[in-house]
Amino acid sequence: MRLSGMINIQYLYYFSSDDLFLIETKRTDLSSSASLSDIYKWLVFSKTSQKIVALRFLKMTKDETFECRSFAEGELKFDPSTAALTYLGRHYQLVRQDPLLIDLSMDKMIKNFLMGLTQDD
């Protein structure tokens, strides 16, 4: 497999808790004909296992106060400052962070994950 350098992504959402980070990425290096599921990814990073898992997006809803994202693995409900995630039957209270605060090591891990490299490389 030939890799042509790093991929270009934009971080749209960044949430954190004691156990995990939840991040939405947007690939900015893909053509406009690429599928939305290739362009946008919601990723869970477990702080204990140091592994990233991509959620399977189902739908989104929005009202005056909350936004909701539904995934095959659970559901996220958030407002401008906090979030509640149900993931694989567990509940997490998250704090909304500025995506610019994602550090370089996390950025590299996410890009490697999105390029299909194993997390043990």
PDB file of N, CA and C in Angstrom:
ATOM      1  N   MET A   1       0.850  -1.183   0.000  1.00  0.00           N
ATOM      2  CA  MET A   1       0.000   0.000   0.000  1.00  0.00           C
ATOM      3  C   MET A   1       0.892   1.241   0.000  1.00  0.00           C
ATOM      4  N   ARG A   2       0.683   2.114  -0.948  1.00  0.00           N
ATOM      5  CA  ARG A   2       1.477   3.333  -1.061  1.00  0.00           C
ATOM      6  C   ARG A   2       0.728   4.485  -0.404  1.00  0.00           C
ATOM      7  N   LEU A   3       1.428   5.208   0.450  1.00  0.00           N
ATOM      8  CA  LEU A   3       0.812   6.353   1.112  1.00  0.00           C
ATOM      9  C   LEU A   3       1.392   7.626   0.535  1.00  0.00           C
ATOM     10  N   SER A   4       0.523   8.541   0.151  1.00  0.00           N
ATOM     11  CA  SER A   4       1.015   9.794  -0.428  1.00  0.00           C
ATOM     12  C   SER A   4       0.942  10.895   0.622  1.00  0.00           C
ATOM     13  N   GLY A   5       1.804  10.803   1.618  1.00  0.00           N
ATOM     14  CA  GLY A   5       1.864  11.837   2.645  1.00  0.00           C
ATOM     15  C   GLY A   5       0.676  11.791   3.588  1.00  0.00           C
ATOM     16  N   MET A   6       0.586  12.808   4.391  1.00  0.00           N
ATOM     17  CA  MET A   6      -0.506  12.895   5.358  1.00  0.00           C
ATOM     18  C   MET A   6      -1.801  13.345   4.684  1.00  0.00           C
ATOM     19  N   ILE A   7      -2.887  13.010   5.315  1.00  0.00           N
ATOM     20  CA  ILE A   7      -4.189  13.431   4.822  1.00  0.00           C
ATOM     21  C   ILE A   7      -4.538  14.774   5.453  1.00  0.00           C
ATOM     22  N   ASN A   8      -5.492  15.469   4.851  1.00  0.00           N
ATOM     23  CA  ASN A   8      -5.937  16.754   5.392  1.00  0.00           C
ATOM     24  C   ASN A   8      -7.290  16.576   6.052  1.00  0.00           C
ATOM     25  N   ILE A   9      -7.357  16.943   7.326  1.00  0.00           N
ATOM     26  CA  ILE A   9      -8.628  16.867   8.039  1.00  0.00           C
ATOM     27  C   ILE A   9      -8.868  18.152   8.822  1.00  0.00           C
ATOM     28  N   GLN A  10     -10.128  18.378   9.069  1.00  0.00           N
ATOM     29  CA  GLN A  10     -10.559  19.485   9.917  1.00  0.00           C
ATOM     30  C   GLN A  10     -11.298  18.856  11.088  1.00  0.00           C
ATOM     31  N   TYR A  11     -11.059  19.365  12.288  1.00  0.00           N
ATOM     32  CA  TYR A  11     -11.771  18.868  13.460  1.00  0.00           C
ATOM     33  C   TYR A  11     -13.004  19.733  13.691  1.00  0.00           C
ATOM     34  N   LEU A  12     -14.179  19.104  13.683  1.00  0.00           N
ATOM     35  CA  LEU A  12     -15.430  19.844  13.811  1.00  0.00           C
ATOM     36  C   LEU A  12     -15.921  19.901  15.249  1.00  0.00           C
ATOM     37  N   TYR A  13     -15.847  18.757  15.943  1.00  0.00           N
ATOM     38  CA  TYR A  13     -16.274  18.683  17.340  1.00  0.00           C
ATOM     39  C   TYR A  13     -15.236  17.917  18.131  1.00  0.00           C
ATOM     40  N   TYR A  14     -15.088  18.327  19.393  1.00  0.00           N
ATOM     41  CA  TYR A  14     -14.123  17.688  20.296  1.00  0.00           C
ATOM     42  C   TYR A  14     -14.731  17.703  21.688  1.00  0.00           C
ATOM     43  N   PHE A  15     -14.994  16.510  22.213  1.00  0.00           N
ATOM     44  CA  PHE A  15     -15.559  16.345  23.549  1.00  0.00           C
ATOM     45  C   PHE A  15     -14.613  15.472  24.364  1.00  0.00           C
ATOM     46  N   SER A  16     -14.563  15.706  25.684  1.00  0.00           N
ATOM     47  CA  SER A  16     -13.699  14.873  26.511  1.00  0.00           C
ATOM     48  C   SER A  16     -14.369  14.517  27.826  1.00  0.00           C
ATOM     49  N   SER A  17     -13.957  13.376  28.355  1.00  0.00           N
ATOM     50  CA  SER A  17     -14.361  12.943  29.693  1.00  0.00           C
ATOM     51  C   SER A  17     -13.133  12.304  30.326  1.00  0.00           C
ATOM     52  N   ASP A  18     -13.292  11.790  31.535  1.00  0.00           N
ATOM     53  CA  ASP A  18     -12.172  11.100  32.192  1.00  0.00           C
ATOM     54  C   ASP A  18     -11.767   9.842  31.427  1.00  0.00           C
ATOM     55  N   ASP A  19     -12.719   9.246  30.702  1.00  0.00           N
ATOM     56  CA  ASP A  19     -12.483   7.952  30.052  1.00  0.00           C
ATOM     57  C   ASP A  19     -12.144   8.029  28.571  1.00  0.00           C
ATOM     58  N   LEU A  20     -12.658   9.059  27.899  1.00  0.00           N
ATOM     59  CA  LEU A  20     -12.519   9.061  26.451  1.00  0.00           C
ATOM     60  C   LEU A  20     -12.565  10.465  25.861  1.00  0.00           C
ATOM     61  N   PHE A  21     -12.153  10.525  24.597  1.00  0.00           N
ATOM     62  CA  PHE A  21     -12.352  11.692  23.755  1.00  0.00           C
ATOM     63  C   PHE A  21     -13.318  11.292  22.657  1.00  0.00           C
ATOM     64  N   LEU A  22     -14.170  12.213  22.243  1.00  0.00           N
ATOM     65  CA  LEU A  22     -15.070  12.004  21.115  1.00  0.00           C
ATOM     66  C   LEU A  22     -14.816  13.150  20.149  1.00  0.00           C
ATOM     67  N   ILE A  23     -14.480  12.817  18.916  1.00  0.00           N
ATOM     68  CA  ILE A  23     -14.044  13.820  17.949  1.00  0.00           C
ATOM     69  C   ILE A  23     -14.742  13.579  16.619  1.00  0.00           C
ATOM     70  N   GLU A  24     -15.256  14.661  16.008  1.00  0.00           N
ATOM     71  CA  GLU A  24     -15.765  14.539  14.640  1.00  0.00           C
ATOM     72  C   GLU A  24     -14.738  15.145  13.701  1.00  0.00           C
ATOM     73  N   THR A  25     -14.387  14.373  12.668  1.00  0.00           N
ATOM     74  CA  THR A  25     -13.416  14.828  11.675  1.00  0.00           C
ATOM     75  C   THR A  25     -14.099  15.010  10.323  1.00  0.00           C
ATOM     76  N   LYS A  26     -13.530  15.911   9.546  1.00  0.00           N
ATOM     77  CA  LYS A  26     -13.963  16.119   8.162  1.00  0.00           C
ATOM     78  C   LYS A  26     -12.728  16.059   7.284  1.00  0.00           C
ATOM     79  N   ARG A  27     -12.727  15.120   6.348  1.00  0.00           N
ATOM     80  CA  ARG A  27     -11.613  15.026   5.394  1.00  0.00           C
ATOM     81  C   ARG A  27     -11.763  16.154   4.380  1.00  0.00           C
ATOM     82  N   THR A  28     -10.733  16.967   4.249  1.00  0.00           N
ATOM     83  CA  THR A  28     -10.781  18.079   3.287  1.00  0.00           C
ATOM     84  C   THR A  28      -9.961  17.775   2.039  1.00  0.00           C
ATOM     85  N   ASP A  29      -9.395  16.568   1.981  1.00  0.00           N
ATOM     86  CA  ASP A  29      -8.569  16.194   0.832  1.00  0.00           C
ATOM     87  C   ASP A  29      -9.289  15.253  -0.132  1.00  0.00           C
ATOM     88  N   LEU A  30     -10.560  14.954   0.144  1.00  0.00           N
ATOM     89  CA  LEU A  30     -11.317  14.049  -0.728  1.00  0.00           C
ATOM     90  C   LEU A  30     -12.133  14.853  -1.732  1.00  0.00           C
ATOM     91  N   SER A  31     -12.433  14.244  -2.855  1.00  0.00           N
ATOM     92  CA  SER A  31     -13.210  14.948  -3.885  1.00  0.00           C
ATOM     93  C   SER A  31     -14.657  15.133  -3.419  1.00  0.00           C
ATOM     94  N   SER A  32     -15.328  16.076  -4.043  1.00  0.00           N
ATOM     95  CA  SER A  32     -16.714  16.355  -3.669  1.00  0.00           C
ATOM     96  C   SER A  32     -17.639  15.188  -4.006  1.00  0.00           C
ATOM     97  N   SER A  33     -17.150  14.241  -4.811  1.00  0.00           N
ATOM     98  CA  SER A  33     -17.968  13.071  -5.141  1.00  0.00           C
ATOM     99  C   SER A  33     -17.803  11.946  -4.109  1.00  0.00           C
ATOM    100  N   ALA A  34     -16.910  12.114  -3.157  1.00  0.00           N
ATOM    101  CA  ALA A  34     -16.711  11.092  -2.119  1.00  0.00           C
ATOM    102  C   ALA A  34     -17.977  10.996  -1.263  1.00  0.00           C
ATOM    103  N   SER A  35     -18.211   9.828  -0.696  1.00  0.00           N
ATOM    104  CA  SER A  35     -19.408   9.642   0.134  1.00  0.00           C
ATOM    105  C   SER A  35     -19.255  10.412   1.438  1.00  0.00           C
ATOM    106  N   LEU A  36     -20.375  10.864   1.990  1.00  0.00           N
ATOM    107  CA  LEU A  36     -20.347  11.597   3.253  1.00  0.00           C
ATOM    108  C   LEU A  36     -19.738  10.758   4.364  1.00  0.00           C
ATOM    109  N   SER A  37     -19.943   9.431   4.310  1.00  0.00           N
ATOM    110  CA  SER A  37     -19.379   8.569   5.351  1.00  0.00           C
ATOM    111  C   SER A  37     -17.857   8.463   5.237  1.00  0.00           C
ATOM    112  N   ASP A  38     -17.296   8.768   4.068  1.00  0.00           N
ATOM    113  CA  ASP A  38     -15.841   8.824   3.936  1.00  0.00           C
ATOM    114  C   ASP A  38     -15.306  10.186   4.377  1.00  0.00           C
ATOM    115  N   ILE A  39     -16.071  11.229   4.127  1.00  0.00           N
ATOM    116  CA  ILE A  39     -15.629  12.590   4.460  1.00  0.00           C
ATOM    117  C   ILE A  39     -15.727  12.856   5.964  1.00  0.00           C
ATOM    118  N   TYR A  40     -16.868  12.493   6.555  1.00  0.00           N
ATOM    119  CA  TYR A  40     -17.102  12.767   7.975  1.00  0.00           C
ATOM    120  C   TYR A  40     -16.978  11.491   8.801  1.00  0.00           C
ATOM    121  N   LYS A  41     -16.249  11.579   9.929  1.00  0.00           N
ATOM    122  CA  LYS A  41     -16.121  10.436  10.847  1.00  0.00           C
ATOM    123  C   LYS A  41     -16.222  10.931  12.280  1.00  0.00           C
ATOM    124  N   TRP A  42     -16.983  10.202  13.084  1.00  0.00           N
ATOM    125  CA  TRP A  42     -17.002  10.403  14.532  1.00  0.00           C
ATOM    126  C   TRP A  42     -16.115   9.326  15.123  1.00  0.00           C
ATOM    127  N   LEU A  43     -15.131   9.741  15.923  1.00  0.00           N
ATOM    128  CA  LEU A  43     -14.156   8.814  16.483  1.00  0.00           C
ATOM    129  C   LEU A  43     -14.190   8.851  18.005  1.00  0.00           C
ATOM    130  N   VAL A  44     -14.113   7.671  18.615  1.00  0.00           N
ATOM    131  CA  VAL A  44     -13.988   7.551  20.067  1.00  0.00           C
ATOM    132  C   VAL A  44     -12.559   7.102  20.350  1.00  0.00           C
ATOM    133  N   PHE A  45     -11.870   7.849  21.210  1.00  0.00           N
ATOM    134  CA  PHE A  45     -10.536   7.467  21.645  1.00  0.00           C
ATOM    135  C   PHE A  45     -10.613   7.095  23.114  1.00  0.00           C
ATOM    136  N   SER A  46     -10.319   5.829  23.405  1.00  0.00           N
ATOM    137  CA  SER A  46     -10.323   5.344  24.786  1.00  0.00           C
ATOM    138  C   SER A  46      -8.995   5.692  25.441  1.00  0.00           C
ATOM    139  N   LYS A  47      -9.068   6.389  26.567  1.00  0.00           N
ATOM    140  CA  LYS A  47      -7.838   6.777  27.271  1.00  0.00           C
ATOM    141  C   LYS A  47      -7.151   5.567  27.902  1.00  0.00           C
ATOM    142  N   THR A  48      -7.916   4.530  28.259  1.00  0.00           N
ATOM    143  CA  THR A  48      -7.301   3.360  28.885  1.00  0.00           C
ATOM    144  C   THR A  48      -6.630   2.458  27.855  1.00  0.00           C
ATOM    145  N   SER A  49      -7.311   2.162  26.749  1.00  0.00           N
ATOM    146  CA  SER A  49      -6.714   1.266  25.754  1.00  0.00           C
ATOM    147  C   SER A  49      -5.840   2.001  24.742  1.00  0.00           C
ATOM    148  N   GLN A  50      -5.955   3.339  24.698  1.00  0.00           N
ATOM    149  CA  GLN A  50      -5.216   4.146  23.712  1.00  0.00           C
ATOM    150  C   GLN A  50      -5.575   3.753  22.277  1.00  0.00           C
ATOM    151  N   LYS A  51      -6.822   3.340  22.071  1.00  0.00           N
ATOM    152  CA  LYS A  51      -7.286   2.924  20.747  1.00  0.00           C
ATOM    153  C   LYS A  51      -8.400   3.840  20.257  1.00  0.00           C
ATOM    154  N   ILE A  52      -8.491   3.962  18.949  1.00  0.00           N
ATOM    155  CA  ILE A  52      -9.528   4.757  18.296  1.00  0.00           C
ATOM    156  C   ILE A  52     -10.523   3.811  17.636  1.00  0.00           C
ATOM    157  N   VAL A  53     -11.803   4.133  17.762  1.00  0.00           N
ATOM    158  CA  VAL A  53     -12.867   3.381  17.106  1.00  0.00           C
ATOM    159  C   VAL A  53     -13.738   4.380  16.353  1.00  0.00           C
ATOM    160  N   ALA A  54     -14.096   4.049  15.118  1.00  0.00           N
ATOM    161  CA  ALA A  54     -14.997   4.895  14.348  1.00  0.00           C
ATOM    162  C   ALA A  54     -16.437   4.463  14.618  1.00  0.00           C
ATOM    163  N   LEU A  55     -17.280   5.443  14.916  1.00  0.00           N
ATOM    164  CA  LEU A  55     -18.702   5.163  15.119  1.00  0.00           C
ATOM    165  C   LEU A  55     -19.404   5.107  13.770  1.00  0.00           C
ATOM    166  N   ARG A  56     -20.471   4.312  13.718  1.00  0.00           N
ATOM    167  CA  ARG A  56     -21.260   4.214  12.481  1.00  0.00           C
ATOM    168  C   ARG A  56     -22.444   5.166  12.599  1.00  0.00           C
ATOM    169  N   PHE A  57     -22.346   6.282  11.893  1.00  0.00           N
ATOM    170  CA  PHE A  57     -23.333   7.356  11.949  1.00  0.00           C
ATOM    171  C   PHE A  57     -24.658   6.911  11.335  1.00  0.00           C
ATOM    172  N   LEU A  58     -25.766   7.247  12.014  1.00  0.00           N
ATOM    173  CA  LEU A  58     -27.093   6.930  11.498  1.00  0.00           C
ATOM    174  C   LEU A  58     -27.867   8.197  11.109  1.00  0.00           C
ATOM    175  N   LYS A  59     -27.986   9.150  12.057  1.00  0.00           N
ATOM    176  CA  LYS A  59     -28.754  10.367  11.756  1.00  0.00           C
ATOM    177  C   LYS A  59     -28.416  11.465  12.755  1.00  0.00           C
ATOM    178  N   MET A  60     -28.839  12.690  12.397  1.00  0.00           N
ATOM    179  CA  MET A  60     -28.674  13.818  13.308  1.00  0.00           C
ATOM    180  C   MET A  60     -29.961  14.609  13.406  1.00  0.00           C
ATOM    181  N   THR A  61     -30.199  15.167  14.593  1.00  0.00           N
ATOM    182  CA  THR A  61     -31.353  16.037  14.811  1.00  0.00           C
ATOM    183  C   THR A  61     -30.880  17.243  15.615  1.00  0.00           C
ATOM    184  N   LYS A  62     -31.687  18.300  15.569  1.00  0.00           N
ATOM    185  CA  LYS A  62     -31.301  19.545  16.221  1.00  0.00           C
ATOM    186  C   LYS A  62     -32.564  20.290  16.627  1.00  0.00           C
ATOM    187  N   ASP A  63     -32.550  20.861  17.856  1.00  0.00           N
ATOM    188  CA  ASP A  63     -33.635  21.755  18.232  1.00  0.00           C
ATOM    189  C   ASP A  63     -33.017  23.040  18.781  1.00  0.00           C
ATOM    190  N   GLU A  64     -33.785  23.852  19.488  1.00  0.00           N
ATOM    191  CA  GLU A  64     -33.281  25.144  19.950  1.00  0.00           C
ATOM    192  C   GLU A  64     -32.115  25.001  20.929  1.00  0.00           C
ATOM    193  N   THR A  65     -32.120  23.947  21.741  1.00  0.00           N
ATOM    194  CA  THR A  65     -31.115  23.847  22.803  1.00  0.00           C
ATOM    195  C   THR A  65     -30.108  22.720  22.618  1.00  0.00           C
ATOM    196  N   PHE A  66     -30.504  21.629  21.987  1.00  0.00           N
ATOM    197  CA  PHE A  66     -29.627  20.461  21.882  1.00  0.00           C
ATOM    198  C   PHE A  66     -29.464  19.995  20.448  1.00  0.00           C
ATOM    199  N   GLU A  67     -28.326  19.371  20.209  1.00  0.00           N
ATOM    200  CA  GLU A  67     -28.118  18.627  18.972  1.00  0.00           C
ATOM    201  C   GLU A  67     -27.961  17.169  19.356  1.00  0.00           C
ATOM    202  N   CYS A  68     -28.402  16.294  18.474  1.00  0.00           N
ATOM    203  CA  CYS A  68     -28.328  14.858  18.717  1.00  0.00           C
ATOM    204  C   CYS A  68     -27.676  14.168  17.527  1.00  0.00           C
ATOM    205  N   ARG A  69     -26.829  13.194  17.817  1.00  0.00           N
ATOM    206  CA  ARG A  69     -26.260  12.332  16.775  1.00  0.00           C
ATOM    207  C   ARG A  69     -26.539  10.900  17.200  1.00  0.00           C
ATOM    208  N   SER A  70     -27.092  10.143  16.275  1.00  0.00           N
ATOM    209  CA  SER A  70     -27.364   8.727  16.541  1.00  0.00           C
ATOM    210  C   SER A  70     -26.379   7.868  15.765  1.00  0.00           C
ATOM    211  N   PHE A  71     -25.841   6.877  16.458  1.00  0.00           N
ATOM    212  CA  PHE A  71     -24.875   5.951  15.875  1.00  0.00           C
ATOM    213  C   PHE A  71     -25.355   4.527  16.115  1.00  0.00           C
ATOM    214  N   ALA A  72     -24.833   3.591  15.374  1.00  0.00           N
ATOM    215  CA  ALA A  72     -25.162   2.181  15.603  1.00  0.00           C
ATOM    216  C   ALA A  72     -24.753   1.774  17.016  1.00  0.00           C
ATOM    217  N   GLU A  73     -23.702   2.401  17.556  1.00  0.00           N
ATOM    218  CA  GLU A  73     -23.158   2.036  18.863  1.00  0.00           C
ATOM    219  C   GLU A  73     -23.731   2.852  20.022  1.00  0.00           C
ATOM    220  N   GLY A  74     -24.544   3.880  19.741  1.00  0.00           N
ATOM    221  CA  GLY A  74     -25.070   4.700  20.826  1.00  0.00           C
ATOM    222  C   GLY A  74     -25.597   6.036  20.352  1.00  0.00           C
ATOM    223  N   GLU A  75     -25.660   6.985  21.291  1.00  0.00           N
ATOM    224  CA  GLU A  75     -26.220   8.289  20.962  1.00  0.00           C
ATOM    225  C   GLU A  75     -25.488   9.394  21.709  1.00  0.00           C
ATOM    226  N   LEU A  76     -25.345  10.535  21.037  1.00  0.00           N
ATOM    227  CA  LEU A  76     -24.720  11.722  21.608  1.00  0.00           C
ATOM    228  C   LEU A  76     -25.745  12.844  21.619  1.00  0.00           C
ATOM    229  N   LYS A  77     -25.847  13.531  22.764  1.00  0.00           N
ATOM    230  CA  LYS A  77     -26.712  14.707  22.882  1.00  0.00           C
ATOM    231  C   LYS A  77     -25.854  15.812  23.468  1.00  0.00           C
ATOM    232  N   PHE A  78     -25.826  16.983  22.798  1.00  0.00           N
ATOM    233  CA  PHE A  78     -24.943  18.043  23.282  1.00  0.00           C
ATOM    234  C   PHE A  78     -25.515  19.429  23.052  1.00  0.00           C
ATOM    235  N   ASP A  79     -25.002  20.368  23.859  1.00  0.00           N
ATOM    236  CA  ASP A  79     -25.312  21.784  23.723  1.00  0.00           C
ATOM    237  C   ASP A  79     -23.964  22.508  23.574  1.00  0.00           C
ATOM    238  N   PRO A  80     -23.932  23.832  23.637  1.00  0.00           N
ATOM    239  CA  PRO A  80     -22.652  24.525  23.416  1.00  0.00           C
ATOM    240  C   PRO A  80     -21.544  24.198  24.428  1.00  0.00           C
ATOM    241  N   SER A  81     -21.860  23.652  25.601  1.00  0.00           N
ATOM    242  CA  SER A  81     -20.793  23.422  26.581  1.00  0.00           C
ATOM    243  C   SER A  81     -20.658  21.979  27.069  1.00  0.00           C
ATOM    244  N   THR A  82     -21.728  21.207  27.094  1.00  0.00           N
ATOM    245  CA  THR A  82     -21.662  19.851  27.641  1.00  0.00           C
ATOM    246  C   THR A  82     -22.277  18.836  26.680  1.00  0.00           C
ATOM    247  N   ALA A  83     -22.036  17.576  26.999  1.00  0.00           N
ATOM    248  CA  ALA A  83     -22.580  16.506  26.171  1.00  0.00           C
ATOM    249  C   ALA A  83     -22.797  15.262  27.018  1.00  0.00           C
ATOM    250  N   ALA A  84     -23.736  14.442  26.564  1.00  0.00           N
ATOM    251  CA  ALA A  84     -23.974  13.138  27.172  1.00  0.00           C
ATOM    252  C   ALA A  84     -23.877  12.109  26.053  1.00  0.00           C
ATOM    253  N   LEU A  85     -23.053  11.112  26.281  1.00  0.00           N
ATOM    254  CA  LEU A  85     -22.853  10.054  25.295  1.00  0.00           C
ATOM    255  C   LEU A  85     -23.261   8.724  25.901  1.00  0.00           C
ATOM    256  N   THR A  86     -24.112   7.995  25.189  1.00  0.00           N
ATOM    257  CA  THR A  86     -24.377   6.602  25.510  1.00  0.00           C
ATOM    258  C   THR A  86     -23.624   5.799  24.457  1.00  0.00           C
ATOM    259  N   TYR A  87     -22.658   5.009  24.906  1.00  0.00           N
ATOM    260  CA  TYR A  87     -21.788   4.279  23.989  1.00  0.00           C
ATOM    261  C   TYR A  87     -21.631   2.856  24.496  1.00  0.00           C
ATOM    262  N   LEU A  88     -22.091   1.918  23.676  1.00  0.00           N
ATOM    263  CA  LEU A  88     -22.019   0.497  24.025  1.00  0.00           C
ATOM    264  C   LEU A  88     -22.620   0.227  25.403  1.00  0.00           C
ATOM    265  N   GLY A  89     -23.752   0.879  25.679  1.00  0.00           N
ATOM    266  CA  GLY A  89     -24.490   0.637  26.917  1.00  0.00           C
ATOM    267  C   GLY A  89     -23.992   1.396  28.131  1.00  0.00           C
ATOM    268  N   ARG A  90     -22.919   2.167  27.999  1.00  0.00           N
ATOM    269  CA  ARG A  90     -22.409   2.972  29.120  1.00  0.00           C
ATOM    270  C   ARG A  90     -22.701   4.446  28.876  1.00  0.00           C
ATOM    271  N   HIS A  91     -22.837   5.187  29.971  1.00  0.00           N
ATOM    272  CA  HIS A  91     -23.135   6.616  29.875  1.00  0.00           C
ATOM    273  C   HIS A  91     -21.909   7.428  30.262  1.00  0.00           C
ATOM    274  N   TYR A  92     -21.624   8.450  29.464  1.00  0.00           N
ATOM    275  CA  TYR A  92     -20.481   9.326  29.710  1.00  0.00           C
ATOM    276  C   TYR A  92     -20.942  10.775  29.697  1.00  0.00           C
ATOM    277  N   GLN A  93     -20.495  11.545  30.669  1.00  0.00           N
ATOM    278  CA  GLN A  93     -20.698  12.985  30.679  1.00  0.00           C
ATOM    279  C   GLN A  93     -19.439  13.605  30.090  1.00  0.00           C
ATOM    280  N   LEU A  94     -19.619  14.415  29.063  1.00  0.00           N
ATOM    281  CA  LEU A  94     -18.484  14.991  28.365  1.00  0.00           C
ATOM    282  C   LEU A  94     -18.515  16.511  28.451  1.00  0.00           C
ATOM    283  N   VAL A  95     -17.355  17.106  28.291  1.00  0.00           N
ATOM    284  CA  VAL A  95     -17.226  18.559  28.214  1.00  0.00           C
ATOM    285  C   VAL A  95     -16.832  18.907  26.787  1.00  0.00           C
ATOM    286  N   ARG A  96     -17.488  19.912  26.239  1.00  0.00           N
ATOM    287  CA  ARG A  96     -17.142  20.338  24.883  1.00  0.00           C
ATOM    288  C   ARG A  96     -15.871  21.182  24.934  1.00  0.00           C
ATOM    289  N   GLN A  97     -14.926  20.825  24.080  1.00  0.00           N
ATOM    290  CA  GLN A  97     -13.627  21.498  24.023  1.00  0.00           C
ATOM    291  C   GLN A  97     -13.468  22.202  22.677  1.00  0.00           C
ATOM    292  N   ASP A  98     -12.517  23.091  22.616  1.00  0.00           N
ATOM    293  CA  ASP A  98     -12.147  23.736  21.359  1.00  0.00           C
ATOM    294  C   ASP A  98     -11.326  22.732  20.540  1.00  0.00           C
ATOM    295  N   PRO A  99     -11.752  22.432  19.298  1.00  0.00           N
ATOM    296  CA  PRO A  99     -10.984  21.473  18.478  1.00  0.00           C
ATOM    297  C   PRO A  99      -9.521  21.879  18.270  1.00  0.00           C
ATOM    298  N   LEU A 100      -9.215  23.154  18.414  1.00  0.00           N
ATOM    299  CA  LEU A 100      -7.823  23.596  18.274  1.00  0.00           C
ATOM    300  C   LEU A 100      -6.936  23.081  19.404  1.00  0.00           C
ATOM    301  N   LEU A 101      -7.557  22.566  20.478  1.00  0.00           N
ATOM    302  CA  LEU A 101      -6.796  22.040  21.613  1.00  0.00           C
ATOM    303  C   LEU A 101      -6.325  20.597  21.407  1.00  0.00           C
ATOM    304  N   ILE A 102      -6.723  19.963  20.307  1.00  0.00           N
ATOM    305  CA  ILE A 102      -6.270  18.595  20.035  1.00  0.00           C
ATOM    306  C   ILE A 102      -4.756  18.641  19.812  1.00  0.00           C
ATOM    307  N   ASP A 103      -4.021  17.866  20.615  1.00  0.00           N
ATOM    308  CA  ASP A 103      -2.565  17.956  20.537  1.00  0.00           C
ATOM    309  C   ASP A 103      -1.995  17.187  19.343  1.00  0.00           C
ATOM    310  N   LEU A 104      -0.725  17.440  19.061  1.00  0.00           N
ATOM    311  CA  LEU A 104      -0.089  16.867  17.872  1.00  0.00           C
ATOM    312  C   LEU A 104      -0.035  15.352  17.880  1.00  0.00           C
ATOM    313  N   SER A 105       0.168  14.742  19.052  1.00  0.00           N
ATOM    314  CA  SER A 105       0.226  13.274  19.089  1.00  0.00           C
ATOM    315  C   SER A 105      -1.145  12.670  18.782  1.00  0.00           C
ATOM    316  N   MET A 106      -2.207  13.303  19.297  1.00  0.00           N
ATOM    317  CA  MET A 106      -3.567  12.835  18.985  1.00  0.00           C
ATOM    318  C   MET A 106      -3.871  13.042  17.497  1.00  0.00           C
ATOM    319  N   ASP A 107      -3.481  14.181  16.971  1.00  0.00           N
ATOM    320  CA  ASP A 107      -3.683  14.490  15.551  1.00  0.00           C
ATOM    321  C   ASP A 107      -3.008  13.423  14.682  1.00  0.00           C
ATOM    322  N   LYS A 108      -1.788  13.065  15.025  1.00  0.00           N
ATOM    323  CA  LYS A 108      -1.056  12.045  14.248  1.00  0.00           C
ATOM    324  C   LYS A 108      -1.751  10.682  14.355  1.00  0.00           C
ATOM    325  N   MET A 109      -2.189  10.322  15.564  1.00  0.00           N
ATOM    326  CA  MET A 109      -2.894   9.050  15.754  1.00  0.00           C
ATOM    327  C   MET A 109      -4.170   9.001  14.907  1.00  0.00           C
ATOM    328  N   ILE A 110      -4.930  10.100  14.919  1.00  0.00           N
ATOM    329  CA  ILE A 110      -6.182  10.160  14.155  1.00  0.00           C
ATOM    330  C   ILE A 110      -5.908  10.052  12.662  1.00  0.00           C
ATOM    331  N   LYS A 111      -4.920  10.774  12.174  1.00  0.00           N
ATOM    332  CA  LYS A 111      -4.599  10.713  10.740  1.00  0.00           C
ATOM    333  C   LYS A 111      -4.144   9.319  10.337  1.00  0.00           C
ATOM    334  N   ASN A 112      -3.315   8.678  11.168  1.00  0.00           N
ATOM    335  CA  ASN A 112      -2.902   7.301  10.878  1.00  0.00           C
ATOM    336  C   ASN A 112      -4.106   6.364  10.852  1.00  0.00           C
ATOM    337  N   PHE A 113      -5.021   6.550  11.811  1.00  0.00           N
ATOM    338  CA  PHE A 113      -6.232   5.720  11.860  1.00  0.00           C
ATOM    339  C   PHE A 113      -7.060   5.904  10.588  1.00  0.00           C
ATOM    340  N   LEU A 114      -7.263   7.155  10.181  1.00  0.00           N
ATOM    341  CA  LEU A 114      -8.077   7.429   8.996  1.00  0.00           C
ATOM    342  C   LEU A 114      -7.411   6.949   7.709  1.00  0.00           C
ATOM    343  N   MET A 115      -6.079   6.850   7.705  1.00  0.00           N
ATOM    344  CA  MET A 115      -5.379   6.324   6.538  1.00  0.00           C
ATOM    345  C   MET A 115      -5.355   4.807   6.529  1.00  0.00           C
ATOM    346  N   GLY A 116      -5.885   4.192   7.603  1.00  0.00           N
ATOM    347  CA  GLY A 116      -5.936   2.736   7.642  1.00  0.00           C
ATOM    348  C   GLY A 116      -4.699   2.086   8.197  1.00  0.00           C
ATOM    349  N   LEU A 117      -3.819   2.868   8.801  1.00  0.00           N
ATOM    350  CA  LEU A 117      -2.631   2.283   9.425  1.00  0.00           C
ATOM    351  C   LEU A 117      -3.039   1.697  10.760  1.00  0.00           C
ATOM    352  N   THR A 118      -2.382   0.635  11.159  1.00  0.00           N
ATOM    353  CA  THR A 118      -2.711   0.061  12.451  1.00  0.00           C
ATOM    354  C   THR A 118      -2.225   0.968  13.554  1.00  0.00           C
ATOM    355  N   GLN A 119      -2.865   0.898  14.683  1.00  0.00           N
ATOM    356  CA  GLN A 119      -2.506   1.765  15.789  1.00  0.00           C
ATOM    357  C   GLN A 119      -1.283   1.279  16.527  1.00  0.00           C
ATOM    358  N   ASP A 120      -0.728   0.135  16.104  1.00  0.00           N
ATOM    359  CA  ASP A 120       0.477  -0.389  16.736  1.00  0.00           C
ATOM    360  C   ASP A 120       1.730  -0.032  15.949  1.00  0.00           C
ATOM    361  N   ASP A 121       1.560   0.652  14.804  1.00  0.00           N
ATOM    362  CA  ASP A 121       2.712   1.052  13.979  1.00  0.00           C
ATOM    363  C   ASP A 121       3.579   2.065  14.683  1.00  0.00           C
TER     364      ASP A 121
END
